[in-house]
Amino acid sequence: MRSDVWTAYEGQIVEGKYHLRTLLGTGGYGAVYMADEVVADRLMGRGALKLIRADQADIDKQLRELQATASLKHESILSHFVRGTCTLGGRDFLYIVMELAEETLAQRLQPGLPI
């Protein structure tokens, strides 16, 4: 999907509590948004929500990858909190809610910055 198609999901709500704010980036299978977690009209926190197109031909592979992410622990890997499925605009998605990075990969890879 083109980047402009993904921007159409800004402002949408996933699972009744994750409010998609700003499109942060896109890739071959999905897009990442800054998202607010809102419960009973109260902001609980902010994170990154990755929407992954739920392609029926690859759904088993995609679900195995989501399952595998639960065991990944490293200081250079963002922690994730929630995995699930949702429907937005008539399309099915898998999603992951994870911590919001403090810097971009490009910033992180600049010479002189510790890795």
Protein backbone atom coordinates (compact mmCIF):
# COMPACT_ATOMS: atom_id res chain seq x y z
CA MET A 1 0.00 0.00 0.00
CA ARG A 2 1.18 3.50 -0.76
CA SER A 3 2.09 5.87 2.05
CA ASP A 4 -0.90 8.13 1.28
CA VAL A 5 -3.24 5.14 1.74
CA TRP A 6 -1.79 4.52 5.21
CA THR A 7 -2.37 8.16 6.24
CA ALA A 8 -6.11 7.52 5.85
CA TYR A 9 -5.93 5.45 9.07
CA GLU A 10 -4.68 8.40 11.15
CA GLY A 11 -7.40 9.24 13.66
CA GLN A 12 -8.82 5.69 13.66
CA ILE A 13 -9.24 3.71 16.88
CA VAL A 14 -7.95 0.14 17.24
CA GLU A 15 -9.74 -2.20 19.65
CA GLY A 16 -11.60 0.69 21.25
CA LYS A 17 -8.57 2.19 22.99
CA TYR A 18 -5.55 2.73 20.73
CA HIS A 19 -5.97 6.08 18.95
CA LEU A 20 -3.77 6.29 15.84
CA ARG A 21 -2.23 9.75 15.79
CA THR A 22 0.64 10.23 13.37
CA LEU A 23 1.97 7.92 10.66
CA LEU A 24 5.65 7.36 11.53
CA GLY A 25 6.67 5.10 8.65
CA THR A 26 5.63 2.44 6.16
CA GLY A 27 7.10 -0.77 4.81
CA GLY A 28 6.26 -3.69 2.59
CA TYR A 29 3.73 -5.27 4.95
CA GLY A 30 2.47 -2.43 7.09
CA ALA A 31 2.81 0.90 8.80
CA VAL A 32 3.74 2.28 12.22
CA TYR A 33 1.81 5.03 14.00
CA MET A 34 2.27 7.05 17.14
CA ALA A 35 -0.72 5.94 19.20
CA ASP A 36 -2.38 7.02 22.41
CA GLU A 37 -3.84 4.38 24.72
CA VAL A 38 -7.08 5.81 26.09
CA VAL A 39 -9.22 4.08 28.73
CA ALA A 40 -12.46 5.65 30.02
CA ASP A 41 -11.51 8.92 28.28
CA ARG A 42 -8.20 9.05 30.15
CA LEU A 43 -4.79 8.94 28.47
CA MET A 44 -2.94 5.91 29.85
CA GLY A 45 0.16 6.22 27.72
CA ARG A 46 1.67 6.68 24.30
CA GLY A 47 3.43 4.13 22.14
CA ALA A 48 3.95 2.90 18.63
CA LEU A 49 1.33 0.71 16.96
CA LYS A 50 2.34 -1.31 13.94
CA LEU A 51 -0.45 -2.37 11.58
CA ILE A 52 0.38 -5.43 9.48
CA ARG A 53 -1.80 -6.38 6.54
CA ALA A 54 -3.43 -9.71 7.39
CA ASP A 55 -2.82 -11.39 4.03
CA GLN A 56 -4.72 -14.69 4.10
CA ALA A 57 -2.05 -16.36 1.96
CA ASP A 58 0.62 -15.54 4.57
CA ILE A 59 -1.44 -15.42 7.79
CA ASP A 60 0.22 -18.47 9.37
CA LYS A 61 3.69 -17.04 8.69
CA GLN A 62 2.66 -13.64 10.02
CA LEU A 63 1.21 -15.16 13.20
CA ARG A 64 4.36 -17.24 13.79
CA GLU A 65 6.45 -14.05 13.47
CA LEU A 66 4.20 -12.25 15.98
CA GLN A 67 4.54 -15.18 18.35
CA ALA A 68 8.33 -15.22 17.95
CA THR A 69 8.58 -11.53 18.88
CA ALA A 70 7.43 -12.36 22.41
CA SER A 71 10.73 -14.09 23.15
CA LEU A 72 13.01 -11.36 21.78
CA LYS A 73 14.72 -9.42 24.55
CA HIS A 74 17.66 -7.10 23.89
CA GLU A 75 18.53 -3.52 24.80
CA SER A 76 18.49 -2.59 21.09
CA ILE A 77 15.03 -4.07 20.46
CA LEU A 78 11.90 -2.15 21.41
CA SER A 79 9.69 -3.87 23.96
CA HIS A 80 6.18 -4.74 22.85
CA PHE A 81 3.15 -4.94 25.03
CA VAL A 82 0.16 -6.16 23.04
CA ARG A 83 -0.48 -8.19 19.90
CA GLY A 84 -3.88 -8.60 18.27
CA THR A 85 -6.15 -8.34 15.25
CA CYS A 86 -8.43 -5.55 14.11
CA THR A 87 -10.47 -4.35 11.15
CA LEU A 88 -10.13 -0.78 9.87
CA GLY A 89 -11.87 0.54 6.78
CA GLY A 90 -13.04 -2.96 5.90
CA ARG A 91 -9.48 -4.38 5.91
CA ASP A 92 -8.12 -6.93 8.35
CA PHE A 93 -4.85 -6.28 10.18
CA LEU A 94 -2.61 -7.81 12.77
CA TYR A 95 -1.11 -5.27 15.14
CA ILE A 96 1.63 -4.86 17.70
CA VAL A 97 1.73 -2.13 20.34
CA MET A 98 5.29 -1.35 21.41
CA GLU A 99 7.29 1.30 23.16
CA LEU A 100 7.95 4.46 21.19
CA ALA A 101 11.59 4.88 20.13
CA GLU A 102 13.35 8.00 21.34
CA GLU A 103 15.27 8.38 18.07
CA THR A 104 15.15 7.19 14.48
CA LEU A 105 17.46 4.51 13.13
CA ALA A 106 19.21 7.17 11.00
CA GLN A 107 19.90 9.23 14.13
CA ARG A 108 21.11 6.16 15.98
CA LEU A 109 23.57 5.25 13.22
CA GLN A 110 25.17 8.70 12.99
CA PRO A 111 28.92 8.60 13.56
CA GLY A 112 29.94 9.49 17.08
CA LEU A 113 26.78 8.20 18.76
CA PRO A 114 27.15 5.13 21.00
CA ILE A 115 25.41 2.03 19.71
